Amino acid sequence: MAGEEAMVERMAELQLRLQHLDALYRAREEDVNVLSQHLGQVLAGETNVTDPRGLLNTTGLLRPPSAYHFLPHLLLGQSPLRPAYCLSKGRTGVSVIMGVPTVKRAVQSYLLSTLQNLINSMSTEEQNDAVIVVLIAETDEEYVLSVAGELREQFENEINIGLLEIISPPASYYPDMNHLRTTLGDAPERVRWRTKQNLDFAFLMMYAQPKAMFYIQLEDDILAKPHFISTMKSVALERIANKKPWFVLDFCQLGFIGKMFRCVELPWLIQFFFMFYNDKPVDWLLDHLIHTKSCNLEKDMKHCRKAKDELWIHYKPSLFQHIGTHSSLKGKVQKLKDKQFGKVKLFYPHYNPPAIVLSEIKAYKQYTLKRAYEGETFFWGLLPQPGDHLFFKFTSPVNVTKYLLKSGNAEHPSDRFYNTTVEVLPLITPTVVYDNFNYTADGFIIIGRFDNMGIAEGKVDHRLGAIKEIRLTVHSESENWAILSEILFETNGNR
């Protein structure tokens, strides 16, 4: 049966790829049709070929509405539907493409931790059959280049293999945000925020549509469950194979997170967003589109809900969780959590050598360094300052072979240790000054430091022998509190 199910799923995938190719063919066919009509005018003598402008004559030609009918300002800009910034290796023909829009946040950004989580939650096979597109939805070139540079530094390999792409829209893509209609009784600032979000999502979808079979809408402040792509793809192909209708597969109960669409059907959404971008929030527009496609006005609401449920499929348990607290809308704090996701792991306990632990950094409530070291919880310290230390003084000197220290956690990814070194104090000070050892003034040897993701990891040189003490030293002021969610000092006896 397993082989038969795999064959059915494969047939469904081939059917979907055929639909995808058909959509691309129809797009090219439209271009050819317009050109052939112009050529027909030339052959009939209706157009003067000595005047190239005559080829632009569309008198009598019926054209369906396009984006320009709803966003007429696009006719005024130079390449308004071409990314202003694009970093891509051109990967296409994959099963899944994910859209991750990100904007400048007033308080803190979750983007790096979100992308790292998405990548870590994918197997190698999934990574080879997917694309993640980050839309830096800002028009400030300096800011776009700054974020893109940070992503290039942190995810160089993922960009090089084509898994991660980065784009940004041109300023000419957006209408005048100071002259929007006020709708739903919202304040002008909120109208601008949700209007821009609608247009951002449409831009992402237009870019992603020809690259894959399925499109997944995500946000920049989420967590994903392991192998989420295989799960989502399997659910979609199963419904296709069994000829069960659907327009959106919903893998998260919150907002627009984890919504999966067939790429060939994205034009429905894109056009709908363009028509009503100024009127309602993006998740409301999705609901209205489904309502329009499925509900019979001559039936009651119960019948309507049932009809909508046949096109909007909710999958449980949820595969995504919202972790952000501070919204991209200035001043808005949101603590929305998807109860279907399950409990989020906030720390990773380990057995460590017996030690006395202490720090000048004041712990928040019960989240002490001692309890974190013993694997009971995570350490949460208030605003580290230059010169602050975290001490791990072993009861008996031990031969430490490896260390792993992770800061921040799923709910507070920005509460990390920045510009912090890992230092050891050997039982016996080396008699030879090795070139690759950096010594502190009080005799400690620096063996590592926390990286941009708040992780310090490495091996301990065997030439150092038994270690009496490990110390973390903070070298700069932090705007955030700091969390240690994982502490591991590996010895030959506690691997």
Protein backbone atom coordinates (compact mmCIF):
# COMPACT_ATOMS: atom_id res chain seq x y z
CA MET A 1 0.00 0.00 0.00
CA ALA A 2 2.87 2.36 0.78
CA GLY A 3 4.16 2.00 -2.79
CA GLU A 4 0.68 2.58 -4.21
CA GLU A 5 0.19 5.70 -2.09
CA ALA A 6 3.56 7.03 -3.23
CA MET A 7 2.57 6.45 -6.84
CA VAL A 8 -0.75 8.29 -6.35
CA GLU A 9 1.07 11.19 -4.69
CA ARG A 10 3.60 11.29 -7.53
CA MET A 11 0.78 11.40 -10.09
CA ALA A 12 -0.80 14.31 -8.21
CA GLU A 13 2.52 16.14 -8.23
CA LEU A 14 2.93 15.62 -11.97
CA GLN A 15 -0.62 16.88 -12.53
CA LEU A 16 0.16 20.02 -10.55
CA ARG A 17 3.40 20.61 -12.44
CA LEU A 18 1.42 20.34 -15.68
CA GLN A 19 -0.98 23.03 -14.41
CA HIS A 20 2.01 25.20 -13.52
CA LEU A 21 3.50 24.84 -17.01
CA ASP A 22 0.09 25.55 -18.54
CA ALA A 23 -0.14 28.81 -16.55
CA LEU A 24 3.29 29.88 -17.80
CA TYR A 25 2.25 28.97 -21.36
CA ARG A 26 -0.92 31.07 -21.09
CA ALA A 27 1.10 34.07 -19.89
CA ARG A 28 3.36 33.82 -22.96
CA GLU A 29 0.34 33.18 -25.17
CA GLU A 30 -1.15 36.49 -24.05
CA ASP A 31 1.99 38.34 -25.19
CA VAL A 32 1.94 36.55 -28.53
CA ASN A 33 -1.77 37.35 -28.99
CA VAL A 34 -1.21 41.08 -28.54
CA LEU A 35 1.73 41.05 -30.95
CA SER A 36 -0.23 39.07 -33.55
CA GLN A 37 -3.07 41.61 -33.43
CA HIS A 38 -0.60 44.43 -34.04
CA LEU A 39 0.92 42.46 -36.92
CA GLY A 40 -2.55 41.92 -38.37
CA GLN A 41 -3.11 45.66 -38.38
CA VAL A 42 0.17 46.14 -40.25
CA LEU A 43 -0.70 43.52 -42.88
CA ALA A 44 -4.17 45.02 -43.35
CA GLY A 45 -2.64 48.42 -43.91
CA GLU A 46 -4.37 49.83 -40.83
CA THR A 47 -1.04 50.81 -39.26
CA ASN A 48 1.74 52.83 -40.83
CA VAL A 49 4.87 50.70 -40.31
CA THR A 50 7.06 53.73 -40.98
CA ASP A 51 5.73 55.07 -37.70
CA PRO A 52 6.66 52.63 -34.87
CA ARG A 53 4.14 54.34 -32.62
CA GLY A 54 1.44 52.90 -34.83
CA LEU A 55 2.18 49.46 -33.39
CA LEU A 56 0.94 50.77 -30.06
CA ASN A 57 -2.46 51.56 -31.51
CA THR A 58 -5.00 49.41 -29.63
CA THR A 59 -8.16 50.89 -31.12
CA GLY A 60 -10.89 48.29 -31.05
CA LEU A 61 -8.79 45.88 -28.96
CA LEU A 62 -10.57 44.65 -25.85
CA ARG A 63 -8.28 44.20 -22.86
CA PRO A 64 -9.18 42.63 -19.52
CA PRO A 65 -8.61 44.74 -16.38
CA SER A 66 -5.06 44.66 -15.09
CA ALA A 67 -3.12 45.97 -12.11
CA TYR A 68 -2.94 49.35 -13.82
CA HIS A 69 -6.73 49.81 -13.50
CA PHE A 70 -6.52 49.60 -9.70
CA LEU A 71 -3.05 51.09 -9.28
CA PRO A 72 -2.85 53.70 -12.05
CA HIS A 73 0.26 55.27 -10.49
CA LEU A 74 2.19 52.22 -11.75
CA LEU A 75 2.00 53.72 -15.25
CA LEU A 76 4.03 56.71 -14.07
CA GLY A 77 6.97 54.92 -12.47
CA GLN A 78 10.03 53.37 -14.07
CA SER A 79 9.88 49.55 -13.74
CA PRO A 80 7.40 49.68 -10.80
CA LEU A 81 6.90 45.90 -10.95
CA ARG A 82 10.60 45.03 -11.02
CA PRO A 83 12.44 44.52 -7.69
CA ALA A 84 14.67 47.45 -6.80
CA TYR A 85 17.03 44.96 -5.14
CA CYS A 86 17.27 41.31 -6.08
CA LEU A 87 19.72 38.69 -4.84
CA SER A 88 18.87 35.36 -6.43
CA LYS A 89 20.59 32.35 -7.92
CA GLY A 90 17.51 31.81 -10.10
CA ARG A 91 16.30 28.54 -8.61
CA THR A 92 12.97 27.52 -10.20
CA GLY A 93 10.88 24.39 -10.68
CA VAL A 94 10.79 23.59 -6.95
CA SER A 95 7.79 22.24 -5.08
CA VAL A 96 7.52 24.98 -2.48
CA ILE A 97 8.34 28.68 -2.30
CA MET A 98 7.94 30.61 0.95
CA GLY A 99 7.34 34.35 1.18
CA VAL A 100 8.74 36.15 4.24
CA PRO A 101 8.02 39.89 4.26
CA THR A 102 9.98 42.00 6.72
CA VAL A 103 9.89 45.69 7.60
CA LYS A 104 11.78 48.00 9.91
CA ARG A 105 10.58 47.43 13.46
CA ALA A 106 10.76 50.10 16.14
CA VAL A 107 11.66 47.71 19.00
CA GLN A 108 13.29 44.50 17.82
CA SER A 109 13.66 42.30 14.73
CA TYR A 110 12.99 38.58 14.71
CA LEU A 111 14.07 38.01 11.10
CA LEU A 112 17.41 36.25 11.61
CA SER A 113 16.09 33.85 14.21
CA THR A 114 13.00 33.12 12.08
CA LEU A 115 15.08 32.28 9.01
CA GLN A 116 17.48 30.16 11.06
CA ASN A 117 14.55 28.25 12.52
CA LEU A 118 12.98 27.69 9.08
CA ILE A 119 16.26 26.38 7.69
CA ASN A 120 16.97 24.19 10.72
CA SER A 121 13.45 22.73 10.47
CA MET A 122 14.06 21.50 6.91
CA SER A 123 15.86 18.32 5.87
CA THR A 124 18.49 18.47 3.12
CA GLU A 125 15.95 17.02 0.69
CA GLU A 126 13.41 19.70 1.62
CA GLN A 127 16.01 22.45 1.24
CA ASN A 128 16.85 21.22 -2.26
CA ASP A 129 13.18 21.44 -3.28
CA ALA A 130 12.31 24.84 -1.84
CA VAL A 131 13.00 28.57 -2.00
CA ILE A 132 12.66 31.15 0.78
CA VAL A 133 12.10 34.68 -0.53
CA VAL A 134 12.69 37.52 1.93
CA LEU A 135 10.95 40.72 0.87
CA ILE A 136 12.60 43.69 2.58
CA ALA A 137 9.47 45.82 2.24
CA GLU A 138 11.19 49.18 2.59
CA THR A 139 12.21 51.77 0.01
CA ASP A 140 15.10 53.27 2.00
CA GLU A 141 18.05 51.98 -0.04
CA GLU A 142 20.50 52.27 2.84
CA TYR A 143 18.28 50.19 5.11
CA VAL A 144 17.64 47.58 2.41
CA LEU A 145 21.36 47.17 1.76
CA SER A 146 22.04 46.97 5.49
CA VAL A 147 19.54 44.13 6.05
CA ALA A 148 20.61 42.37 2.85
CA GLY A 149 24.24 42.58 3.95
CA GLU A 150 23.38 41.05 7.31
CA LEU A 151 21.50 38.21 5.61
CA ARG A 152 24.36 37.61 3.16
CA GLU A 153 26.81 37.36 6.05
CA GLN A 154 24.64 35.06 8.16
CA PHE A 155 23.25 32.85 5.37
CA GLU A 156 25.99 32.85 2.75
CA ASN A 157 25.69 29.13 2.03
CA GLU A 158 21.87 29.19 1.77
CA ILE A 159 22.08 32.08 -0.70
CA ASN A 160 24.79 30.39 -2.77
CA ILE A 161 22.81 27.16 -3.19
CA GLY A 162 19.66 29.06 -4.17
CA LEU A 163 17.61 28.30 -1.05
CA LEU A 164 17.39 31.94 0.09
CA GLU A 165 16.57 34.93 -2.10
CA ILE A 166 16.29 38.60 -1.12
CA ILE A 167 14.22 41.24 -2.90
CA SER A 168 12.86 44.71 -2.23
CA PRO A 169 10.18 46.74 -4.07
CA PRO A 170 10.84 50.05 -5.84
CA ALA A 171 9.38 53.19 -4.29
CA SER A 172 7.27 53.67 -7.43
CA TYR A 173 5.34 50.48 -6.63
CA TYR A 174 3.43 52.15 -3.80
CA PRO A 175 0.70 54.80 -4.21
CA ASP A 176 0.80 58.03 -2.24
CA MET A 177 0.28 56.69 1.29
CA ASN A 178 -0.70 60.14 2.57
CA HIS A 179 -3.83 60.25 0.39
CA LEU A 180 -5.51 56.94 1.15
CA ARG A 181 -9.21 56.66 1.89
CA THR A 182 -9.97 56.17 5.57
CA THR A 183 -11.95 52.95 5.91
CA LEU A 184 -13.37 50.81 8.72
CA GLY A 185 -13.05 53.78 11.07
CA ASP A 186 -9.31 53.08 11.44
CA ALA A 187 -6.77 55.77 12.21
CA PRO A 188 -4.80 56.98 9.15
CA GLU A 189 -1.62 55.33 10.46
CA ARG A 190 -3.33 51.94 10.71
CA VAL A 191 -4.89 52.36 7.24
CA ARG A 192 -1.42 53.04 5.81
CA TRP A 193 0.02 50.02 7.64
CA ARG A 194 -2.57 47.50 6.44
CA THR A 195 -2.66 49.00 2.93
CA LYS A 196 1.09 48.60 2.58
CA GLN A 197 0.88 45.05 3.93
CA ASN A 198 -1.66 44.13 1.24
CA LEU A 199 0.61 45.51 -1.47
CA ASP A 200 3.69 43.84 0.04
CA PHE A 201 1.99 40.44 -0.03
CA ALA A 202 0.88 40.98 -3.64
CA PHE A 203 4.43 41.90 -4.68
CA LEU A 204 5.81 38.78 -3.02
CA MET A 205 3.22 36.57 -4.68
CA MET A 206 3.88 38.04 -8.12
CA TYR A 207 7.59 37.36 -7.74
CA ALA A 208 7.09 33.84 -6.38
CA GLN A 209 4.28 32.65 -8.66
CA PRO A 210 6.34 31.30 -11.63
CA LYS A 211 8.99 29.60 -9.48
CA ALA A 212 7.16 26.74 -7.74
CA MET A 213 4.04 24.60 -7.42
CA PHE A 214 3.01 25.75 -3.94
CA TYR A 215 3.33 29.13 -2.24
CA ILE A 216 3.43 29.47 1.56
CA GLN A 217 2.82 32.86 3.16
CA LEU A 218 4.87 33.35 6.32
CA GLU A 219 5.93 36.24 8.55
CA ASP A 220 9.28 37.30 9.98
CA ASP A 221 8.48 36.46 13.61
CA ILE A 222 7.49 32.79 13.67
CA LEU A 223 8.61 29.29 14.64
CA ALA A 224 8.13 26.20 12.47
CA LYS A 225 7.92 22.54 13.38
CA PRO A 226 10.52 20.10 11.99
CA HIS A 227 9.88 18.83 8.43
CA PHE A 228 6.97 21.24 7.98
CA ILE A 229 7.47 21.30 4.21
CA SER A 230 7.06 17.53 3.80
CA THR A 231 3.92 17.63 5.93
CA MET A 232 2.36 20.49 3.99
CA LYS A 233 3.25 19.05 0.60
CA SER A 234 1.89 15.64 1.58
CA VAL A 235 -1.44 17.13 2.73
CA ALA A 236 -1.78 19.11 -0.51
CA LEU A 237 -0.91 16.23 -2.82
CA GLU A 238 -3.25 13.88 -0.95
CA ARG A 239 -6.17 16.22 -1.56
CA ILE A 240 -5.22 16.69 -5.20
CA ALA A 241 -4.85 12.94 -5.74
CA ASN A 242 -8.28 12.32 -4.21
CA LYS A 243 -9.81 15.20 -6.20
CA LYS A 244 -10.82 17.05 -3.02
CA PRO A 245 -11.29 20.78 -3.70
CA TRP A 246 -9.30 23.43 -1.83
CA PHE A 247 -8.11 26.97 -2.34
CA VAL A 248 -6.07 27.50 0.83
CA LEU A 249 -4.54 24.99 3.21
CA ASP A 250 -4.20 26.63 6.60
CA PHE A 251 -1.40 25.37 8.85
CA CYS A 252 -1.66 28.13 11.47
CA GLN A 253 -4.75 29.61 13.07
CA LEU A 254 -3.34 33.15 13.28
CA GLY A 255 -3.58 35.93 10.69
CA PHE A 256 -1.97 35.12 7.36
CA ILE A 257 0.73 32.81 8.75
CA GLY A 258 1.18 29.34 7.25
CA LYS A 259 -1.33 29.76 4.45
CA MET A 260 -0.57 27.52 1.47
CA PHE A 261 -1.80 28.12 -2.10
CA ARG A 262 -1.25 26.57 -5.49
CA CYS A 263 0.94 28.99 -7.42
CA VAL A 264 -1.33 28.70 -10.46
CA GLU A 265 -4.16 30.18 -8.35
CA LEU A 266 -2.19 33.09 -6.89
CA PRO A 267 -3.50 35.47 -9.61
CA TRP A 268 -6.92 35.29 -7.89
CA LEU A 269 -5.39 36.65 -4.68
CA ILE A 270 -3.09 39.16 -6.32
CA GLN A 271 -5.92 40.72 -8.32
CA PHE A 272 -8.20 40.74 -5.28
CA PHE A 273 -5.51 42.50 -3.22
CA PHE A 274 -5.05 45.10 -5.94
CA MET A 275 -8.80 45.74 -6.09
CA PHE A 276 -9.31 46.20 -2.34
CA TYR A 277 -5.85 47.04 -0.96
CA ASN A 278 -7.13 50.24 0.64
CA ASP A 279 -10.30 48.74 2.08
CA LYS A 280 -9.53 45.90 4.51
CA PRO A 281 -6.69 43.93 6.16
CA VAL A 282 -5.10 41.10 4.22
CA ASP A 283 -6.62 38.24 6.26
CA TRP A 284 -10.09 39.78 5.88
CA LEU A 285 -9.61 39.98 2.10
CA LEU A 286 -8.72 36.29 1.98
CA ASP A 287 -11.91 35.48 3.90
CA HIS A 288 -13.98 37.61 1.52
CA LEU A 289 -12.44 35.97 -1.54
CA ILE A 290 -13.31 32.51 -0.21
CA HIS A 291 -16.80 33.78 0.64
CA THR A 292 -17.25 35.07 -2.91
CA LYS A 293 -16.07 31.81 -4.44
CA SER A 294 -18.17 29.49 -2.29
CA CYS A 295 -21.23 31.08 -0.63
CA ASN A 296 -24.74 31.01 -2.09
CA LEU A 297 -26.62 34.21 -1.24
CA GLU A 298 -29.88 32.26 -1.28
CA LYS A 299 -28.63 29.99 1.51
CA ASP A 300 -28.15 30.71 5.22
CA MET A 301 -24.86 31.35 7.06
CA LYS A 302 -24.61 27.72 8.17
CA HIS A 303 -24.54 26.61 4.55
CA CYS A 304 -22.02 29.36 3.76
CA ARG A 305 -19.65 28.25 6.54
CA LYS A 306 -19.82 24.67 5.31
CA ALA A 307 -19.11 25.74 1.74
CA LYS A 308 -16.14 27.87 2.86
CA ASP A 309 -14.74 24.98 4.89
CA GLU A 310 -14.52 22.97 1.68
CA LEU A 311 -12.12 25.52 0.17
CA TRP A 312 -10.34 26.75 3.31
CA ILE A 313 -8.90 23.63 4.94
CA HIS A 314 -7.63 23.93 8.51
CA TYR A 315 -4.87 21.49 9.44
CA LYS A 316 -4.24 20.48 13.05
CA PRO A 317 -1.96 20.55 14.93
CA SER A 318 -0.55 23.84 13.68
CA LEU A 319 2.90 23.84 12.11
CA PHE A 320 3.74 27.46 12.89
CA GLN A 321 3.73 29.63 15.99
CA HIS A 322 3.82 33.41 16.24
CA ILE A 323 6.63 34.57 18.56
CA GLY A 324 6.78 38.32 18.01
CA THR A 325 5.46 40.62 20.72
CA HIS A 326 6.04 43.98 19.06
CA SER A 327 4.08 44.48 15.84
CA SER A 328 5.48 46.28 12.81
CA LEU A 329 2.65 48.79 13.46
CA LYS A 330 4.24 51.31 15.82
CA GLY A 331 2.96 51.05 19.37
CA LYS A 332 1.03 47.84 18.80
CA VAL A 333 1.83 44.99 21.19
CA GLN A 334 0.44 41.58 20.27
CA LYS A 335 0.75 38.41 22.30
CA LEU A 336 -1.21 36.17 19.96
CA LYS A 337 -0.34 32.48 20.25
CA ASP A 338 -1.67 29.52 18.30
CA LYS A 339 -2.90 27.05 20.90
CA GLN A 340 -2.84 24.28 18.30
CA PHE A 341 0.95 24.52 17.95
CA GLY A 342 1.75 22.97 21.30
CA LYS A 343 4.34 23.92 23.87
CA VAL A 344 7.45 25.75 22.66
CA LYS A 345 10.76 24.50 24.03
CA LEU A 346 12.48 27.43 25.74
CA PHE A 347 15.64 25.74 27.04
CA TYR A 348 17.74 22.62 26.49
CA PRO A 349 19.02 20.90 29.66
CA HIS A 350 22.38 19.10 29.92
CA TYR A 351 24.35 17.28 32.57
CA ASN A 352 27.37 19.43 33.40
CA PRO A 353 30.31 18.92 35.79
CA PRO A 354 29.55 20.05 39.39
CA ALA A 355 30.38 23.73 39.74
CA ILE A 356 29.71 26.90 41.69
CA VAL A 357 28.01 29.39 39.36
CA LEU A 358 27.48 33.10 39.92
CA SER A 359 27.21 36.38 38.04
CA GLU A 360 27.08 40.13 38.54
CA ILE A 361 24.11 40.20 36.16
CA LYS A 362 20.92 40.22 38.20
CA ALA A 363 18.58 37.34 37.41
CA TYR A 364 14.92 37.92 36.63
CA LYS A 365 12.67 36.14 39.12
CA GLN A 366 13.42 32.40 39.28
CA TYR A 367 15.50 32.29 36.09
CA THR A 368 18.84 32.05 37.87
CA LEU A 369 22.16 30.97 36.45
CA LYS A 370 22.40 28.11 38.95
CA ARG A 371 19.06 26.61 37.89
CA ALA A 372 19.98 27.04 34.21
CA TYR A 373 23.30 25.26 34.73
CA GLU A 374 21.52 22.38 36.44
CA GLY A 375 19.06 22.06 33.54
CA GLU A 376 15.93 23.25 35.38
CA THR A 377 15.20 26.36 33.30
CA PHE A 378 17.00 29.10 31.36
CA PHE A 379 19.02 31.99 32.76
CA TRP A 380 17.44 35.40 32.22
CA GLY A 381 19.57 38.36 33.23
CA LEU A 382 18.80 42.06 33.28
CA LEU A 383 20.72 44.36 30.89
CA PRO A 384 24.33 43.10 30.76
CA GLN A 385 26.94 45.84 31.09
CA PRO A 386 30.61 45.98 30.01
CA GLY A 387 32.74 44.08 32.49
CA ASP A 388 29.94 41.80 33.70
CA HIS A 389 30.85 38.13 34.10
CA LEU A 390 29.23 34.73 34.39
CA PHE A 391 31.42 32.33 36.39
CA PHE A 392 31.44 28.53 36.28
CA LYS A 393 33.91 27.36 38.94
CA PHE A 394 34.25 23.59 38.82
CA THR A 395 34.25 21.75 42.13
CA SER A 396 37.14 19.67 40.81
CA PRO A 397 39.21 20.57 37.73
CA VAL A 398 37.95 18.76 34.62
CA ASN A 399 39.16 18.17 31.08
CA VAL A 400 36.57 20.05 29.06
CA THR A 401 36.58 18.92 25.43
CA LYS A 402 33.76 21.02 24.00
CA TYR A 403 31.47 23.90 24.94
CA LEU A 404 28.08 25.03 23.63
CA LEU A 405 26.32 28.16 24.88
CA LYS A 406 23.12 29.39 23.24
CA SER A 407 21.54 32.71 24.15
CA GLY A 408 18.00 33.87 23.43
CA ASN A 409 15.07 31.50 23.05
CA ALA A 410 11.96 31.03 20.94
CA GLU A 411 9.88 33.64 22.76
CA HIS A 412 12.70 36.16 23.22
CA PRO A 413 15.10 35.66 20.30
CA SER A 414 16.74 39.07 20.71
CA ASP A 415 17.67 38.55 24.36
CA ARG A 416 21.16 37.38 23.46
CA PHE A 417 24.71 37.86 24.59
CA TYR A 418 26.46 40.25 22.21
CA ASN A 419 30.22 40.92 22.11
CA THR A 420 30.83 38.37 24.86
CA THR A 421 33.90 36.11 25.11
CA VAL A 422 34.31 32.60 26.49
CA GLU A 423 37.39 32.25 28.69
CA VAL A 424 38.99 29.39 30.62
CA LEU A 425 41.40 29.21 33.55
CA PRO A 426 43.59 26.08 33.37
CA LEU A 427 44.63 24.24 36.50
CA ILE A 428 48.24 24.63 35.41
CA THR A 429 49.22 27.71 33.46
CA PRO A 430 50.88 26.61 30.20
CA THR A 431 54.65 27.07 30.44
CA VAL A 432 54.78 27.70 26.70
CA VAL A 433 53.06 30.77 25.28
CA TYR A 434 51.20 29.42 22.26
CA ASP A 435 50.61 31.78 19.35
CA ASN A 436 46.94 30.91 19.00
CA PHE A 437 46.10 31.59 22.67
CA ASN A 438 44.86 35.04 23.71
CA TYR A 439 45.44 35.77 27.38
CA THR A 440 43.54 38.19 29.62
CA ALA A 441 45.32 40.35 32.17
CA ASP A 442 44.27 38.03 35.03
CA GLY A 443 45.46 34.81 33.39
CA PHE A 444 42.34 33.53 31.63
CA ILE A 445 42.63 32.27 28.04
CA ILE A 446 40.03 33.37 25.48
CA ILE A 447 38.78 30.33 23.55
CA GLY A 448 35.73 31.74 21.77
CA ARG A 449 32.97 34.34 21.55
CA PHE A 450 29.25 34.61 20.85
CA ASP A 451 28.38 35.09 17.16
CA ASN A 452 25.65 37.22 15.58
CA MET A 453 23.06 34.56 16.33
CA GLY A 454 23.98 34.55 20.03
CA ILE A 455 25.76 31.19 19.96
CA ALA A 456 29.21 30.28 21.25
CA GLU A 457 30.45 26.83 20.30
CA GLY A 458 33.80 25.15 19.92
CA LYS A 459 36.38 22.63 21.08
CA VAL A 460 38.79 23.19 23.95
CA ASP A 461 42.44 22.70 23.05
CA HIS A 462 43.73 19.57 24.81
CA ARG A 463 47.03 21.36 25.55
CA LEU A 464 45.24 23.43 28.18
CA GLY A 465 44.77 20.33 30.33
CA ALA A 466 42.36 20.33 33.26
CA ILE A 467 40.18 23.46 33.59
CA LYS A 468 39.43 25.09 36.94
CA GLU A 469 36.98 27.70 35.74
CA ILE A 470 35.08 28.94 32.69
CA ARG A 471 34.05 32.56 32.49
CA LEU A 472 31.90 34.65 30.15
CA THR A 473 32.89 38.30 29.87
CA VAL A 474 30.60 40.99 28.47
CA HIS A 475 32.45 43.73 26.57
CA SER A 476 29.71 46.15 25.53
CA GLU A 477 26.42 47.53 26.77
CA SER A 478 23.24 45.73 25.70
CA GLU A 479 19.83 47.23 24.97
CA ASN A 480 18.16 43.91 25.80
CA TRP A 481 18.14 41.49 28.65
CA ALA A 482 20.10 38.30 28.07
CA ILE A 483 19.03 34.66 28.12
CA LEU A 484 21.17 31.53 28.27
CA SER A 485 18.88 28.78 26.99
CA GLU A 486 21.54 26.08 26.63
CA ILE A 487 24.72 25.43 28.63
CA LEU A 488 26.93 22.46 27.81
CA PHE A 489 30.47 21.84 28.99
CA GLU A 490 31.32 18.47 27.55
CA THR A 491 33.92 16.23 29.17
CA ASN A 492 34.96 12.69 28.43
CA GLY A 493 32.39 11.55 30.94
CA ASN A 494 29.31 13.61 30.03
CA ARG A 495 28.99 13.45 26.24
